[in-house]
Amino acid sequence: LVKHFVLKTTKWLFFPPVNHTFQIQVRYEFDDKLHIDTLPFTINIKAPMRSSIIGAIIGSFFGYMFNN
């Protein structure tokens, strides 16, 4: 059995990076005994590249304007 998760956000431009830990529960049978274990799975979700590029362009524009 495989579970599939999709994480979505609507804030692509102002999305802050997130570090999230999922607790995955695994059930298995060995020697006719049911076992249950919990495994941590950490995922690092970064902002999209286009938001970093747009932020760099806007930041350089305003930096140039306020510097002069």
PDB file of N, CA and C in Angstrom:
ATOM      1  N   LEU A   1       0.849  -1.176   0.000  1.00  0.00           N
ATOM      2  CA  LEU A   1       0.000   0.000   0.000  1.00  0.00           C
ATOM      3  C   LEU A   1       0.895   1.240   0.000  1.00  0.00           C
ATOM      4  N   VAL A   2       0.630   2.134  -0.922  1.00  0.00           N
ATOM      5  CA  VAL A   2       1.416   3.365  -1.049  1.00  0.00           C
ATOM      6  C   VAL A   2       0.472   4.552  -0.942  1.00  0.00           C
ATOM      7  N   LYS A   3       0.847   5.523  -0.147  1.00  0.00           N
ATOM      8  CA  LYS A   3       0.067   6.761  -0.026  1.00  0.00           C
ATOM      9  C   LYS A   3       0.816   7.880  -0.735  1.00  0.00           C
ATOM     10  N   HIS A   4       0.079   8.710  -1.418  1.00  0.00           N
ATOM     11  CA  HIS A   4       0.641   9.809  -2.199  1.00  0.00           C
ATOM     12  C   HIS A   4       0.048  11.115  -1.668  1.00  0.00           C
ATOM     13  N   PHE A   5       0.902  12.090  -1.366  1.00  0.00           N
ATOM     14  CA  PHE A   5       0.449  13.375  -0.849  1.00  0.00           C
ATOM     15  C   PHE A   5       0.927  14.483  -1.770  1.00  0.00           C
ATOM     16  N   VAL A   6       0.061  15.450  -1.993  1.00  0.00           N
ATOM     17  CA  VAL A   6       0.406  16.623  -2.792  1.00  0.00           C
ATOM     18  C   VAL A   6       0.257  17.849  -1.893  1.00  0.00           C
ATOM     19  N   LEU A   7       1.327  18.605  -1.769  1.00  0.00           N
ATOM     20  CA  LEU A   7       1.305  19.840  -0.984  1.00  0.00           C
ATOM     21  C   LEU A   7       1.259  21.012  -1.955  1.00  0.00           C
ATOM     22  N   LYS A   8       0.242  21.863  -1.814  1.00  0.00           N
ATOM     23  CA  LYS A   8       0.086  23.003  -2.715  1.00  0.00           C
ATOM     24  C   LYS A   8      -0.050  24.286  -1.912  1.00  0.00           C
ATOM     25  N   THR A   9       0.340  25.382  -2.534  1.00  0.00           N
ATOM     26  CA  THR A   9       0.148  26.700  -1.943  1.00  0.00           C
ATOM     27  C   THR A   9      -0.235  27.674  -3.051  1.00  0.00           C
ATOM     28  N   THR A  10      -0.967  28.699  -2.686  1.00  0.00           N
ATOM     29  CA  THR A  10      -1.330  29.729  -3.661  1.00  0.00           C
ATOM     30  C   THR A  10      -0.410  30.937  -3.554  1.00  0.00           C
ATOM     31  N   LYS A  11       0.480  30.940  -2.575  1.00  0.00           N
ATOM     32  CA  LYS A  11       1.375  32.078  -2.347  1.00  0.00           C
ATOM     33  C   LYS A  11       2.745  31.804  -2.968  1.00  0.00           C
ATOM     34  N   TRP A  12       2.850  31.766  -4.259  1.00  0.00           N
ATOM     35  CA  TRP A  12       4.129  31.441  -4.878  1.00  0.00           C
ATOM     36  C   TRP A  12       5.120  32.599  -4.786  1.00  0.00           C
ATOM     37  N   LEU A  13       4.639  33.836  -4.779  1.00  0.00           N
ATOM     38  CA  LEU A  13       5.563  34.968  -4.768  1.00  0.00           C
ATOM     39  C   LEU A  13       6.080  35.268  -3.362  1.00  0.00           C
ATOM     40  N   PHE A  14       5.233  35.162  -2.360  1.00  0.00           N
ATOM     41  CA  PHE A  14       5.630  35.487  -0.986  1.00  0.00           C
ATOM     42  C   PHE A  14       5.671  34.240  -0.112  1.00  0.00           C
ATOM     43  N   PHE A  15       5.997  33.110  -0.695  1.00  0.00           N
ATOM     44  CA  PHE A  15       6.024  31.853   0.044  1.00  0.00           C
ATOM     45  C   PHE A  15       7.296  31.764   0.885  1.00  0.00           C
ATOM     46  N   PRO A  16       7.166  31.662   2.214  1.00  0.00           N
ATOM     47  CA  PRO A  16       8.364  31.494   3.048  1.00  0.00           C
ATOM     48  C   PRO A  16       8.809  30.030   3.043  1.00  0.00           C
ATOM     49  N   PRO A  17      10.087  29.774   3.045  1.00  0.00           N
ATOM     50  CA  PRO A  17      10.558  28.382   3.094  1.00  0.00           C
ATOM     51  C   PRO A  17      10.051  27.682   4.357  1.00  0.00           C
ATOM     52  N   VAL A  18       9.749  26.399   4.223  1.00  0.00           N
ATOM     53  CA  VAL A  18       9.170  25.623   5.323  1.00  0.00           C
ATOM     54  C   VAL A  18       9.971  24.341   5.501  1.00  0.00           C
ATOM     55  N   ASN A  19      10.221  23.992   6.742  1.00  0.00           N
ATOM     56  CA  ASN A  19      10.844  22.717   7.078  1.00  0.00           C
ATOM     57  C   ASN A  19       9.817  21.953   7.903  1.00  0.00           C
ATOM     58  N   HIS A  20       9.281  20.851   7.365  1.00  0.00           N
ATOM     59  CA  HIS A  20       8.184  20.137   8.024  1.00  0.00           C
ATOM     60  C   HIS A  20       8.572  18.679   8.234  1.00  0.00           C
ATOM     61  N   THR A  21       8.178  18.135   9.382  1.00  0.00           N
ATOM     62  CA  THR A  21       8.436  16.726   9.685  1.00  0.00           C
ATOM     63  C   THR A  21       7.108  15.982   9.748  1.00  0.00           C
ATOM     64  N   PHE A  22       6.974  14.972   8.902  1.00  0.00           N
ATOM     65  CA  PHE A  22       5.803  14.104   8.911  1.00  0.00           C
ATOM     66  C   PHE A  22       6.105  12.889   9.773  1.00  0.00           C
ATOM     67  N   GLN A  23       5.123  12.432  10.510  1.00  0.00           N
ATOM     68  CA  GLN A  23       5.249  11.195  11.271  1.00  0.00           C
ATOM     69  C   GLN A  23       4.518  10.108  10.480  1.00  0.00           C
ATOM     70  N   ILE A  24       5.261   9.174   9.932  1.00  0.00           N
ATOM     71  CA  ILE A  24       4.698   8.117   9.097  1.00  0.00           C
ATOM     72  C   ILE A  24       4.554   6.859   9.936  1.00  0.00           C
ATOM     73  N   GLN A  25       3.348   6.332   9.943  1.00  0.00           N
ATOM     74  CA  GLN A  25       3.085   5.121  10.713  1.00  0.00           C
ATOM     75  C   GLN A  25       3.141   3.917   9.773  1.00  0.00           C
ATOM     76  N   VAL A  26       3.960   2.935  10.148  1.00  0.00           N
ATOM     77  CA  VAL A  26       4.146   1.725   9.340  1.00  0.00           C
ATOM     78  C   VAL A  26       3.624   0.532  10.133  1.00  0.00           C
ATOM     79  N   ARG A  27       2.718  -0.222   9.510  1.00  0.00           N
ATOM     80  CA  ARG A  27       2.209  -1.451  10.132  1.00  0.00           C
ATOM     81  C   ARG A  27       2.682  -2.635   9.309  1.00  0.00           C
ATOM     82  N   TYR A  28       3.248  -3.611   9.985  1.00  0.00           N
ATOM     83  CA  TYR A  28       3.713  -4.806   9.295  1.00  0.00           C
ATOM     84  C   TYR A  28       3.542  -6.013  10.205  1.00  0.00           C
ATOM     85  N   GLU A  29       3.559  -7.172   9.571  1.00  0.00           N
ATOM     86  CA  GLU A  29       3.378  -8.416  10.311  1.00  0.00           C
ATOM     87  C   GLU A  29       4.629  -9.271  10.147  1.00  0.00           C
ATOM     88  N   PHE A  30       5.109  -9.795  11.282  1.00  0.00           N
ATOM     89  CA  PHE A  30       6.300 -10.634  11.285  1.00  0.00           C
ATOM     90  C   PHE A  30       6.088 -11.731  12.318  1.00  0.00           C
ATOM     91  N   ASP A  31       6.283 -12.979  11.919  1.00  0.00           N
ATOM     92  CA  ASP A  31       6.036 -14.140  12.792  1.00  0.00           C
ATOM     93  C   ASP A  31       4.623 -14.111  13.366  1.00  0.00           C
ATOM     94  N   ASP A  32       3.668 -13.778  12.510  1.00  0.00           N
ATOM     95  CA  ASP A  32       2.245 -13.724  12.885  1.00  0.00           C
ATOM     96  C   ASP A  32       1.954 -12.729  14.009  1.00  0.00           C
ATOM     97  N   LYS A  33       2.808 -11.746  14.180  1.00  0.00           N
ATOM     98  CA  LYS A  33       2.570 -10.679  15.150  1.00  0.00           C
ATOM     99  C   LYS A  33       2.517  -9.349  14.404  1.00  0.00           C
ATOM    100  N   LEU A  34       1.520  -8.551  14.742  1.00  0.00           N
ATOM    101  CA  LEU A  34       1.371  -7.239  14.127  1.00  0.00           C
ATOM    102  C   LEU A  34       2.283  -6.238  14.838  1.00  0.00           C
ATOM    103  N   HIS A  35       3.067  -5.509  14.059  1.00  0.00           N
ATOM    104  CA  HIS A  35       3.973  -4.489  14.591  1.00  0.00           C
ATOM    105  C   HIS A  35       3.592  -3.139  13.993  1.00  0.00           C
ATOM    106  N   ILE A  36       3.731  -2.104  14.802  1.00  0.00           N
ATOM    107  CA  ILE A  36       3.461  -0.737  14.353  1.00  0.00           C
ATOM    108  C   ILE A  36       4.644   0.131  14.772  1.00  0.00           C
ATOM    109  N   ASP A  37       5.227   0.808  13.803  1.00  0.00           N
ATOM    110  CA  ASP A  37       6.339   1.724  14.061  1.00  0.00           C
ATOM    111  C   ASP A  37       6.005   3.093  13.472  1.00  0.00           C
ATOM    112  N   THR A  38       6.593   4.102  14.046  1.00  0.00           N
ATOM    113  CA  THR A  38       6.437   5.461  13.542  1.00  0.00           C
ATOM    114  C   THR A  38       7.804   5.982  13.115  1.00  0.00           C
ATOM    115  N   LEU A  39       7.854   6.481  11.887  1.00  0.00           N
ATOM    116  CA  LEU A  39       9.105   6.982  11.319  1.00  0.00           C
ATOM    117  C   LEU A  39       8.968   8.469  11.016  1.00  0.00           C
ATOM    118  N   PRO A  40       9.914   9.284  11.444  1.00  0.00           N
ATOM    119  CA  PRO A  40       9.869  10.699  11.064  1.00  0.00           C
ATOM    120  C   PRO A  40      10.439  10.891   9.657  1.00  0.00           C
ATOM    121  N   PHE A  41       9.801  11.748   8.886  1.00  0.00           N
ATOM    122  CA  PHE A  41      10.275  12.084   7.550  1.00  0.00           C
ATOM    123  C   PHE A  41      10.267  13.603   7.434  1.00  0.00           C
ATOM    124  N   THR A  42      11.435  14.197   7.260  1.00  0.00           N
ATOM    125  CA  THR A  42      11.565  15.649   7.194  1.00  0.00           C
ATOM    126  C   THR A  42      11.712  16.087   5.747  1.00  0.00           C
ATOM    127  N   ILE A  43      10.957  17.120   5.393  1.00  0.00           N
ATOM    128  CA  ILE A  43      11.026  17.660   4.035  1.00  0.00           C
ATOM    129  C   ILE A  43      11.261  19.167   4.127  1.00  0.00           C
ATOM    130  N   ASN A  44      12.128  19.667   3.274  1.00  0.00           N
ATOM    131  CA  ASN A  44      12.449  21.084   3.213  1.00  0.00           C
ATOM    132  C   ASN A  44      11.826  21.641   1.940  1.00  0.00           C
ATOM    133  N   ILE A  45      10.830  22.508   2.096  1.00  0.00           N
ATOM    134  CA  ILE A  45      10.126  23.079   0.948  1.00  0.00           C
ATOM    135  C   ILE A  45      10.639  24.497   0.745  1.00  0.00           C
ATOM    136  N   LYS A  46      11.216  24.741  -0.411  1.00  0.00           N
ATOM    137  CA  LYS A  46      11.803  26.048  -0.712  1.00  0.00           C
ATOM    138  C   LYS A  46      10.884  26.848  -1.626  1.00  0.00           C
ATOM    139  N   ALA A  47      11.110  28.155  -1.651  1.00  0.00           N
ATOM    140  CA  ALA A  47      10.356  29.030  -2.544  1.00  0.00           C
ATOM    141  C   ALA A  47      10.744  28.726  -3.987  1.00  0.00           C
ATOM    142  N   PRO A  48       9.812  28.914  -4.934  1.00  0.00           N
ATOM    143  CA  PRO A  48      10.143  28.654  -6.334  1.00  0.00           C
ATOM    144  C   PRO A  48      11.208  29.623  -6.856  1.00  0.00           C
ATOM    145  N   MET A  49      11.943  29.179  -7.844  1.00  0.00           N
ATOM    146  CA  MET A  49      13.031  29.976  -8.416  1.00  0.00           C
ATOM    147  C   MET A  49      12.517  31.284  -9.004  1.00  0.00           C
ATOM    148  N   ARG A  50      11.341  31.259  -9.617  1.00  0.00           N
ATOM    149  CA  ARG A  50      10.828  32.485 -10.244  1.00  0.00           C
ATOM    150  C   ARG A  50      10.536  33.567  -9.208  1.00  0.00           C
ATOM    151  N   SER A  51      10.116  33.178  -7.994  1.00  0.00           N
ATOM    152  CA  SER A  51       9.880  34.200  -6.968  1.00  0.00           C
ATOM    153  C   SER A  51      11.199  34.796  -6.491  1.00  0.00           C
ATOM    154  N   SER A  52      12.257  33.998  -6.441  1.00  0.00           N
ATOM    155  CA  SER A  52      13.576  34.524  -6.074  1.00  0.00           C
ATOM    156  C   SER A  52      14.096  35.479  -7.143  1.00  0.00           C
ATOM    157  N   ILE A  53      13.880  35.141  -8.402  1.00  0.00           N
ATOM    158  CA  ILE A  53      14.329  35.998  -9.505  1.00  0.00           C
ATOM    159  C   ILE A  53      13.547  37.307  -9.513  1.00  0.00           C
ATOM    160  N   ILE A  54      12.230  37.219  -9.347  1.00  0.00           N
ATOM    161  CA  ILE A  54      11.407  38.434  -9.320  1.00  0.00           C
ATOM    162  C   ILE A  54      11.794  39.303  -8.128  1.00  0.00           C
ATOM    163  N   GLY A  55      12.025  38.695  -6.972  1.00  0.00           N
ATOM    164  CA  GLY A  55      12.453  39.449  -5.793  1.00  0.00           C
ATOM    165  C   GLY A  55      13.793  40.124  -6.006  1.00  0.00           C
ATOM    166  N   ALA A  56      14.713  39.446  -6.695  1.00  0.00           N
ATOM    167  CA  ALA A  56      16.023  40.040  -6.973  1.00  0.00           C
ATOM    168  C   ALA A  56      15.899  41.225  -7.927  1.00  0.00           C
ATOM    169  N   ILE A  57      15.048  41.086  -8.936  1.00  0.00           N
ATOM    170  CA  ILE A  57      14.855  42.182  -9.895  1.00  0.00           C
ATOM    171  C   ILE A  57      14.217  43.385  -9.211  1.00  0.00           C
ATOM    172  N   ILE A  58      13.166  43.144  -8.441  1.00  0.00           N
ATOM    173  CA  ILE A  58      12.486  44.246  -7.747  1.00  0.00           C
ATOM    174  C   ILE A  58      13.410  44.883  -6.709  1.00  0.00           C
ATOM    175  N   GLY A  59      14.153  44.071  -5.978  1.00  0.00           N
ATOM    176  CA  GLY A  59      15.076  44.594  -4.976  1.00  0.00           C
ATOM    177  C   GLY A  59      16.194  45.412  -5.585  1.00  0.00           C
ATOM    178  N   SER A  60      16.719  44.970  -6.719  1.00  0.00           N
ATOM    179  CA  SER A  60      17.789  45.741  -7.361  1.00  0.00           C
ATOM    180  C   SER A  60      17.252  47.048  -7.933  1.00  0.00           C
ATOM    181  N   PHE A  61      16.026  47.024  -8.449  1.00  0.00           N
ATOM    182  CA  PHE A  61      15.422  48.251  -8.976  1.00  0.00           C
ATOM    183  C   PHE A  61      15.240  49.284  -7.864  1.00  0.00           C
ATOM    184  N   PHE A  62      14.616  48.863  -6.749  1.00  0.00           N
ATOM    185  CA  PHE A  62      14.398  49.803  -5.646  1.00  0.00           C
ATOM    186  C   PHE A  62      15.715  50.206  -4.982  1.00  0.00           C
ATOM    187  N   GLY A  63      16.675  49.316  -4.925  1.00  0.00           N
ATOM    188  CA  GLY A  63      17.984  49.669  -4.386  1.00  0.00           C
ATOM    189  C   GLY A  63      18.668  50.728  -5.225  1.00  0.00           C
ATOM    190  N   TYR A  64      18.559  50.597  -6.539  1.00  0.00           N
ATOM    191  CA  TYR A  64      19.130  51.594  -7.448  1.00  0.00           C
ATOM    192  C   TYR A  64      18.404  52.933  -7.313  1.00  0.00           C
ATOM    193  N   MET A  65      17.059  52.885  -7.236  1.00  0.00           N
ATOM    194  CA  MET A  65      16.270  54.116  -7.158  1.00  0.00           C
ATOM    195  C   MET A  65      16.538  54.876  -5.851  1.00  0.00           C
ATOM    196  N   PHE A  66      16.630  54.167  -4.737  1.00  0.00           N
ATOM    197  CA  PHE A  66      16.827  54.840  -3.451  1.00  0.00           C
ATOM    198  C   PHE A  66      18.286  55.226  -3.219  1.00  0.00           C
ATOM    199  N   ASN A  67      19.196  54.626  -3.943  1.00  0.00           N
ATOM    200  CA  ASN A  67      20.610  54.945  -3.793  1.00  0.00           C
ATOM    201  C   ASN A  67      20.950  56.238  -4.528  1.00  0.00           C
ATOM    202  N   ASN A  68      20.229  56.519  -5.589  1.00  0.00           N
ATOM    203  CA  ASN A  68      20.521  57.722  -6.395  1.00  0.00           C
ATOM    204  C   ASN A  68      19.642  58.865  -6.037  1.00  0.00           C
TER     205      ASN A  68
END
